[in-house]
Amino acid sequence: MENEEIKEGCANEACNQDGKNGQDGCQRSEEAAPKTDAAEATAEQKLAEVQDKYIRLVAEFDNYRKRTVRERLELLATAAEDTIKGILPVLDDIERAKKTMENVTDVAAVKEGVDLIYQKLQDYLSSKGLQAVESAQGTAFDTDVHDAVSKFPVSEEAQRNKIFDTLQKGYKLNDKIIRYAKVVVGE
């Protein structure tokens, strides 16, 4: 067993070819020992470099993960900021209208002002991708965009499964339903 270890560990090709496996037959020469020590040192150095690169890569990935989690939380906290900034002028207009309504006697002017504020808000929300869901009376009932709150008996067959009344408008944001239209369906 001891002889086999010496033979396997021997770097001298002459010993391996001769097949000498005695203690005095196959031993490391003085030249072979420094070569293997240098090879071992080089291998250890490469191993240390690879381990260092691995540790740095793991640390870099962990920092990246933490940074993206932090950025995502910041984004969620300030996601509505742009939308709220756009609605603030409408809020200012509503406050001015409330002050004006206290002293005004002309109802037509107040109505016109409220209509202008409503149109301003509609335009802003449309620019952000908001669309009203079609739910006019007589429109076909569609479970993908409508929520039937109740049924109303109708006498004509043509009015069955059609919208009889809209209780609350529905809205889509960039083609995704964010609120279903609450409707009464003819039965």
C-alpha atoms as a PDB file:
ATOM      1  CA  MET A   1       0.000   0.000   0.000  1.00  0.00           C
ATOM      2  CA  GLU A   2       2.780   2.392   0.923  1.00  0.00           C
ATOM      3  CA  ASN A   3       4.638   1.548  -2.281  1.00  0.00           C
ATOM      4  CA  GLU A   4       1.601   2.258  -4.446  1.00  0.00           C
ATOM      5  CA  GLU A   5       1.231   5.696  -2.881  1.00  0.00           C
ATOM      6  CA  ILE A   6       4.811   6.501  -3.730  1.00  0.00           C
ATOM      7  CA  LYS A   7       4.398   5.288  -7.293  1.00  0.00           C
ATOM      8  CA  GLU A   8       1.181   7.247  -7.838  1.00  0.00           C
ATOM      9  CA  GLY A   9       2.667  10.368  -6.336  1.00  0.00           C
ATOM     10  CA  CYS A  10       5.900  10.165  -8.330  1.00  0.00           C
ATOM     11  CA  ALA A  11       6.296  12.800 -11.039  1.00  0.00           C
ATOM     12  CA  ASN A  12       9.271  11.049 -12.623  1.00  0.00           C
ATOM     13  CA  GLU A  13       8.129   9.312 -15.809  1.00  0.00           C
ATOM     14  CA  ALA A  14      11.036   6.886 -15.754  1.00  0.00           C
ATOM     15  CA  CYS A  15       9.829   5.396 -12.488  1.00  0.00           C
ATOM     16  CA  ASN A  16       6.297   5.004 -13.812  1.00  0.00           C
ATOM     17  CA  GLN A  17       7.505   3.305 -16.986  1.00  0.00           C
ATOM     18  CA  ASP A  18       9.926   0.947 -15.280  1.00  0.00           C
ATOM     19  CA  GLY A  19       7.307  -0.183 -12.874  1.00  0.00           C
ATOM     20  CA  LYS A  20       9.676  -0.066  -9.917  1.00  0.00           C
ATOM     21  CA  ASN A  21       7.705   0.139  -6.794  1.00  0.00           C
ATOM     22  CA  GLY A  22      10.203  -0.594  -4.080  1.00  0.00           C
ATOM     23  CA  GLN A  23      11.179   1.938  -1.514  1.00  0.00           C
ATOM     24  CA  ASP A  24      14.557   2.533  -3.044  1.00  0.00           C
ATOM     25  CA  GLY A  25      13.385   2.099  -6.685  1.00  0.00           C
ATOM     26  CA  CYS A  26      10.852   4.847  -7.211  1.00  0.00           C
ATOM     27  CA  GLN A  27      11.307   7.959  -5.195  1.00  0.00           C
ATOM     28  CA  ARG A  28      10.961  11.559  -5.989  1.00  0.00           C
ATOM     29  CA  SER A  29      13.975  13.166  -7.409  1.00  0.00           C
ATOM     30  CA  GLU A  30      15.208  16.463  -6.134  1.00  0.00           C
ATOM     31  CA  GLU A  31      14.099  18.130  -9.419  1.00  0.00           C
ATOM     32  CA  ALA A  32      10.505  16.852  -9.254  1.00  0.00           C
ATOM     33  CA  ALA A  33       9.801  18.128  -5.726  1.00  0.00           C
ATOM     34  CA  PRO A  34      10.189  21.844  -6.508  1.00  0.00           C
ATOM     35  CA  LYS A  35       8.049  21.484  -9.670  1.00  0.00           C
ATOM     36  CA  THR A  36       5.155  19.962  -7.768  1.00  0.00           C
ATOM     37  CA  ASP A  37       5.475  22.525  -4.978  1.00  0.00           C
ATOM     38  CA  ALA A  38       5.349  25.324  -7.536  1.00  0.00           C
ATOM     39  CA  ALA A  39       2.356  23.692  -9.260  1.00  0.00           C
ATOM     40  CA  GLU A  40       0.596  23.327  -5.912  1.00  0.00           C
ATOM     41  CA  ALA A  41       1.308  26.953  -5.046  1.00  0.00           C
ATOM     42  CA  THR A  42      -0.030  28.083  -8.426  1.00  0.00           C
ATOM     43  CA  ALA A  43      -3.139  25.926  -8.012  1.00  0.00           C
ATOM     44  CA  GLU A  44      -3.722  27.272  -4.502  1.00  0.00           C
ATOM     45  CA  GLN A  45      -3.302  30.829  -5.787  1.00  0.00           C
ATOM     46  CA  LYS A  46      -5.826  30.213  -8.585  1.00  0.00           C
ATOM     47  CA  LEU A  47      -8.215  28.616  -6.092  1.00  0.00           C
ATOM     48  CA  ALA A  48      -7.914  31.649  -3.808  1.00  0.00           C
ATOM     49  CA  GLU A  49      -8.590  33.964  -6.771  1.00  0.00           C
ATOM     50  CA  VAL A  50     -11.673  31.980  -7.806  1.00  0.00           C
ATOM     51  CA  GLN A  51     -12.965  31.932  -4.223  1.00  0.00           C
ATOM     52  CA  ASP A  52     -12.408  35.691  -3.956  1.00  0.00           C
ATOM     53  CA  LYS A  53     -14.266  36.283  -7.226  1.00  0.00           C
ATOM     54  CA  TYR A  54     -17.107  34.052  -6.033  1.00  0.00           C
ATOM     55  CA  ILE A  55     -17.424  35.878  -2.707  1.00  0.00           C
ATOM     56  CA  ARG A  56     -17.378  39.263  -4.475  1.00  0.00           C
ATOM     57  CA  LEU A  57     -20.000  38.086  -6.960  1.00  0.00           C
ATOM     58  CA  VAL A  58     -22.281  36.857  -4.185  1.00  0.00           C
ATOM     59  CA  ALA A  59     -21.855  40.147  -2.304  1.00  0.00           C
ATOM     60  CA  GLU A  60     -22.523  42.148  -5.475  1.00  0.00           C
ATOM     61  CA  PHE A  61     -25.703  40.164  -6.174  1.00  0.00           C
ATOM     62  CA  ASP A  62     -26.889  40.634  -2.588  1.00  0.00           C
ATOM     63  CA  ASN A  63     -26.308  44.394  -2.871  1.00  0.00           C
ATOM     64  CA  TYR A  64     -28.194  44.436  -6.188  1.00  0.00           C
ATOM     65  CA  ARG A  65     -31.128  42.559  -4.636  1.00  0.00           C
ATOM     66  CA  LYS A  66     -31.278  44.930  -1.669  1.00  0.00           C
ATOM     67  CA  ARG A  67     -31.044  47.984  -3.941  1.00  0.00           C
ATOM     68  CA  THR A  68     -33.872  46.798  -6.209  1.00  0.00           C
ATOM     69  CA  VAL A  69     -36.103  46.039  -3.202  1.00  0.00           C
ATOM     70  CA  ARG A  70     -35.414  49.521  -1.813  1.00  0.00           C
ATOM     71  CA  GLU A  71     -36.096  51.154  -5.216  1.00  0.00           C
ATOM     72  CA  ARG A  72     -39.336  49.200  -5.597  1.00  0.00           C
ATOM     73  CA  LEU A  73     -40.532  50.343  -2.154  1.00  0.00           C
ATOM     74  CA  GLU A  74     -39.672  53.962  -3.023  1.00  0.00           C
ATOM     75  CA  LEU A  75     -41.528  53.634  -6.320  1.00  0.00           C
ATOM     76  CA  LEU A  76     -44.627  52.281  -4.573  1.00  0.00           C
ATOM     77  CA  ALA A  77     -44.503  55.100  -2.039  1.00  0.00           C
ATOM     78  CA  THR A  78     -44.345  57.789  -4.744  1.00  0.00           C
ATOM     79  CA  ALA A  79     -46.255  56.068  -7.556  1.00  0.00           C
ATOM     80  CA  ALA A  80     -49.310  58.293  -7.270  1.00  0.00           C
ATOM     81  CA  GLU A  81     -47.292  61.508  -7.037  1.00  0.00           C
ATOM     82  CA  ASP A  82     -47.549  62.331 -10.735  1.00  0.00           C
ATOM     83  CA  THR A  83     -51.292  61.670 -10.823  1.00  0.00           C
ATOM     84  CA  ILE A  84     -51.941  63.718  -7.694  1.00  0.00           C
ATOM     85  CA  LYS A  85     -49.916  66.631  -9.074  1.00  0.00           C
ATOM     86  CA  GLY A  86     -52.121  66.551 -12.176  1.00  0.00           C
ATOM     87  CA  ILE A  87     -55.327  66.557 -10.120  1.00  0.00           C
ATOM     88  CA  LEU A  88     -54.280  69.466  -7.871  1.00  0.00           C
ATOM     89  CA  PRO A  89     -55.323  72.156 -10.414  1.00  0.00           C
ATOM     90  CA  VAL A  90     -58.772  70.556 -10.586  1.00  0.00           C
ATOM     91  CA  LEU A  91     -58.960  70.586  -6.795  1.00  0.00           C
ATOM     92  CA  ASP A  92     -58.055  74.294  -6.842  1.00  0.00           C
ATOM     93  CA  ASP A  93     -60.838  74.938  -9.366  1.00  0.00           C
ATOM     94  CA  ILE A  94     -63.361  73.104  -7.174  1.00  0.00           C
ATOM     95  CA  GLU A  95     -62.349  75.178  -4.142  1.00  0.00           C
ATOM     96  CA  ARG A  96     -62.789  78.407  -6.168  1.00  0.00           C
ATOM     97  CA  ALA A  97     -66.191  77.170  -7.366  1.00  0.00           C
ATOM     98  CA  LYS A  98     -67.296  76.482  -3.785  1.00  0.00           C
ATOM     99  CA  LYS A  99     -66.352  80.033  -2.768  1.00  0.00           C
ATOM    100  CA  THR A 100     -68.163  81.426  -5.781  1.00  0.00           C
ATOM    101  CA  MET A 101     -71.324  79.401  -5.083  1.00  0.00           C
ATOM    102  CA  GLU A 102     -71.707  81.066  -1.675  1.00  0.00           C
ATOM    103  CA  ASN A 103     -72.263  84.531  -3.176  1.00  0.00           C
ATOM    104  CA  VAL A 104     -73.660  83.835  -6.641  1.00  0.00           C
ATOM    105  CA  THR A 105     -77.303  83.937  -7.567  1.00  0.00           C
ATOM    106  CA  ASP A 106     -76.920  82.935 -11.217  1.00  0.00           C
ATOM    107  CA  VAL A 107     -77.297  79.148 -11.287  1.00  0.00           C
ATOM    108  CA  ALA A 108     -76.432  78.918 -14.988  1.00  0.00           C
ATOM    109  CA  ALA A 109     -72.944  80.364 -14.359  1.00  0.00           C
ATOM    110  CA  VAL A 110     -72.332  77.908 -11.534  1.00  0.00           C
ATOM    111  CA  LYS A 111     -73.482  75.023 -13.708  1.00  0.00           C
ATOM    112  CA  GLU A 112     -71.162  76.131 -16.518  1.00  0.00           C
ATOM    113  CA  GLY A 113     -68.223  76.377 -14.090  1.00  0.00           C
ATOM    114  CA  VAL A 114     -68.862  72.906 -12.696  1.00  0.00           C
ATOM    115  CA  ASP A 115     -69.108  71.529 -16.250  1.00  0.00           C
ATOM    116  CA  LEU A 116     -65.728  73.108 -17.117  1.00  0.00           C
ATOM    117  CA  ILE A 117     -64.114  71.593 -14.015  1.00  0.00           C
ATOM    118  CA  TYR A 118     -65.623  68.198 -14.817  1.00  0.00           C
ATOM    119  CA  GLN A 119     -64.322  68.386 -18.410  1.00  0.00           C
ATOM    120  CA  LYS A 120     -60.858  69.399 -17.178  1.00  0.00           C
ATOM    121  CA  LEU A 121     -60.757  66.369 -14.862  1.00  0.00           C
ATOM    122  CA  GLN A 122     -62.047  64.041 -17.616  1.00  0.00           C
ATOM    123  CA  ASP A 123     -59.375  65.283 -20.047  1.00  0.00           C
ATOM    124  CA  TYR A 124     -56.597  64.777 -17.523  1.00  0.00           C
ATOM    125  CA  LEU A 125     -57.716  61.265 -16.577  1.00  0.00           C
ATOM    126  CA  SER A 126     -58.129  60.331 -20.254  1.00  0.00           C
ATOM    127  CA  SER A 127     -54.556  61.452 -20.897  1.00  0.00           C
ATOM    128  CA  LYS A 128     -53.473  58.972 -18.199  1.00  0.00           C
ATOM    129  CA  GLY A 129     -55.309  56.104 -19.943  1.00  0.00           C
ATOM    130  CA  LEU A 130     -58.661  56.106 -18.136  1.00  0.00           C
ATOM    131  CA  GLN A 131     -61.680  55.154 -20.264  1.00  0.00           C
ATOM    132  CA  ALA A 132     -65.326  54.745 -19.321  1.00  0.00           C
ATOM    133  CA  VAL A 133     -66.888  51.314 -19.900  1.00  0.00           C
ATOM    134  CA  GLU A 134     -69.823  51.400 -22.323  1.00  0.00           C
ATOM    135  CA  SER A 135     -72.964  50.745 -20.306  1.00  0.00           C
ATOM    136  CA  ALA A 136     -75.709  52.746 -21.984  1.00  0.00           C
ATOM    137  CA  GLN A 137     -79.308  51.585 -21.785  1.00  0.00           C
ATOM    138  CA  GLY A 138     -79.997  48.915 -24.402  1.00  0.00           C
ATOM    139  CA  THR A 139     -76.361  47.789 -24.649  1.00  0.00           C
ATOM    140  CA  ALA A 140     -75.762  44.042 -24.459  1.00  0.00           C
ATOM    141  CA  PHE A 141     -74.812  42.801 -20.996  1.00  0.00           C
ATOM    142  CA  ASP A 142     -71.175  41.614 -20.912  1.00  0.00           C
ATOM    143  CA  THR A 143     -69.900  39.872 -17.772  1.00  0.00           C
ATOM    144  CA  ASP A 144     -66.330  40.862 -18.645  1.00  0.00           C
ATOM    145  CA  VAL A 145     -67.041  44.561 -18.045  1.00  0.00           C
ATOM    146  CA  HIS A 146     -70.424  44.715 -16.276  1.00  0.00           C
ATOM    147  CA  ASP A 147     -71.590  43.643 -12.833  1.00  0.00           C
ATOM    148  CA  ALA A 148     -75.312  42.834 -12.670  1.00  0.00           C
ATOM    149  CA  VAL A 149     -76.607  44.241  -9.419  1.00  0.00           C
ATOM    150  CA  SER A 150     -80.222  43.296 -10.063  1.00  0.00           C
ATOM    151  CA  LYS A 151     -82.618  42.116 -12.759  1.00  0.00           C
ATOM    152  CA  PHE A 152     -85.637  43.961 -14.030  1.00  0.00           C
ATOM    153  CA  PRO A 153     -88.573  42.168 -15.666  1.00  0.00           C
ATOM    154  CA  VAL A 154     -89.134  43.336 -19.263  1.00  0.00           C
ATOM    155  CA  SER A 155     -91.996  42.497 -21.571  1.00  0.00           C
ATOM    156  CA  GLU A 156     -90.129  42.513 -24.892  1.00  0.00           C
ATOM    157  CA  GLU A 157     -87.769  39.688 -25.861  1.00  0.00           C
ATOM    158  CA  ALA A 158     -85.376  42.185 -27.514  1.00  0.00           C
ATOM    159  CA  GLN A 159     -84.681  43.816 -24.133  1.00  0.00           C
ATOM    160  CA  ARG A 160     -83.649  40.600 -22.396  1.00  0.00           C
ATOM    161  CA  ASN A 161     -79.965  40.413 -21.369  1.00  0.00           C
ATOM    162  CA  LYS A 162     -79.645  44.100 -22.218  1.00  0.00           C
ATOM    163  CA  ILE A 163     -78.695  46.855 -19.796  1.00  0.00           C
ATOM    164  CA  PHE A 164     -81.819  48.484 -18.406  1.00  0.00           C
ATOM    165  CA  ASP A 165     -80.109  51.042 -16.143  1.00  0.00           C
ATOM    166  CA  THR A 166     -76.571  51.962 -15.018  1.00  0.00           C
ATOM    167  CA  LEU A 167     -76.168  52.511 -11.281  1.00  0.00           C
ATOM    168  CA  GLN A 168     -72.417  53.184 -11.319  1.00  0.00           C
ATOM    169  CA  LYS A 169     -70.078  53.787 -14.245  1.00  0.00           C
ATOM    170  CA  GLY A 170     -67.253  51.350 -14.874  1.00  0.00           C
ATOM    171  CA  TYR A 171     -63.716  52.308 -15.883  1.00  0.00           C
ATOM    172  CA  LYS A 172     -60.726  50.813 -17.680  1.00  0.00           C
ATOM    173  CA  LEU A 173     -57.148  51.924 -17.178  1.00  0.00           C
ATOM    174  CA  ASN A 174     -55.045  51.076 -20.231  1.00  0.00           C
ATOM    175  CA  ASP A 175     -57.479  48.303 -21.277  1.00  0.00           C
ATOM    176  CA  LYS A 176     -57.579  46.762 -17.792  1.00  0.00           C
ATOM    177  CA  ILE A 177     -60.863  46.915 -15.902  1.00  0.00           C
ATOM    178  CA  ILE A 178     -60.335  48.798 -12.640  1.00  0.00           C
ATOM    179  CA  ARG A 179     -64.032  49.114 -11.776  1.00  0.00           C
ATOM    180  CA  TYR A 180     -66.902  47.116 -13.231  1.00  0.00           C
ATOM    181  CA  ALA A 181     -70.038  48.999 -14.257  1.00  0.00           C
ATOM    182  CA  LYS A 182     -72.882  48.234 -11.864  1.00  0.00           C
ATOM    183  CA  VAL A 183     -75.982  47.728 -13.998  1.00  0.00           C
ATOM    184  CA  VAL A 184     -79.567  46.529 -13.886  1.00  0.00           C
ATOM    185  CA  VAL A 185     -80.232  43.862 -16.536  1.00  0.00           C
ATOM    186  CA  GLY A 186     -83.506  43.163 -18.288  1.00  0.00           C
ATOM    187  CA  GLU A 187     -84.944  39.700 -17.621  1.00  0.00           C
END
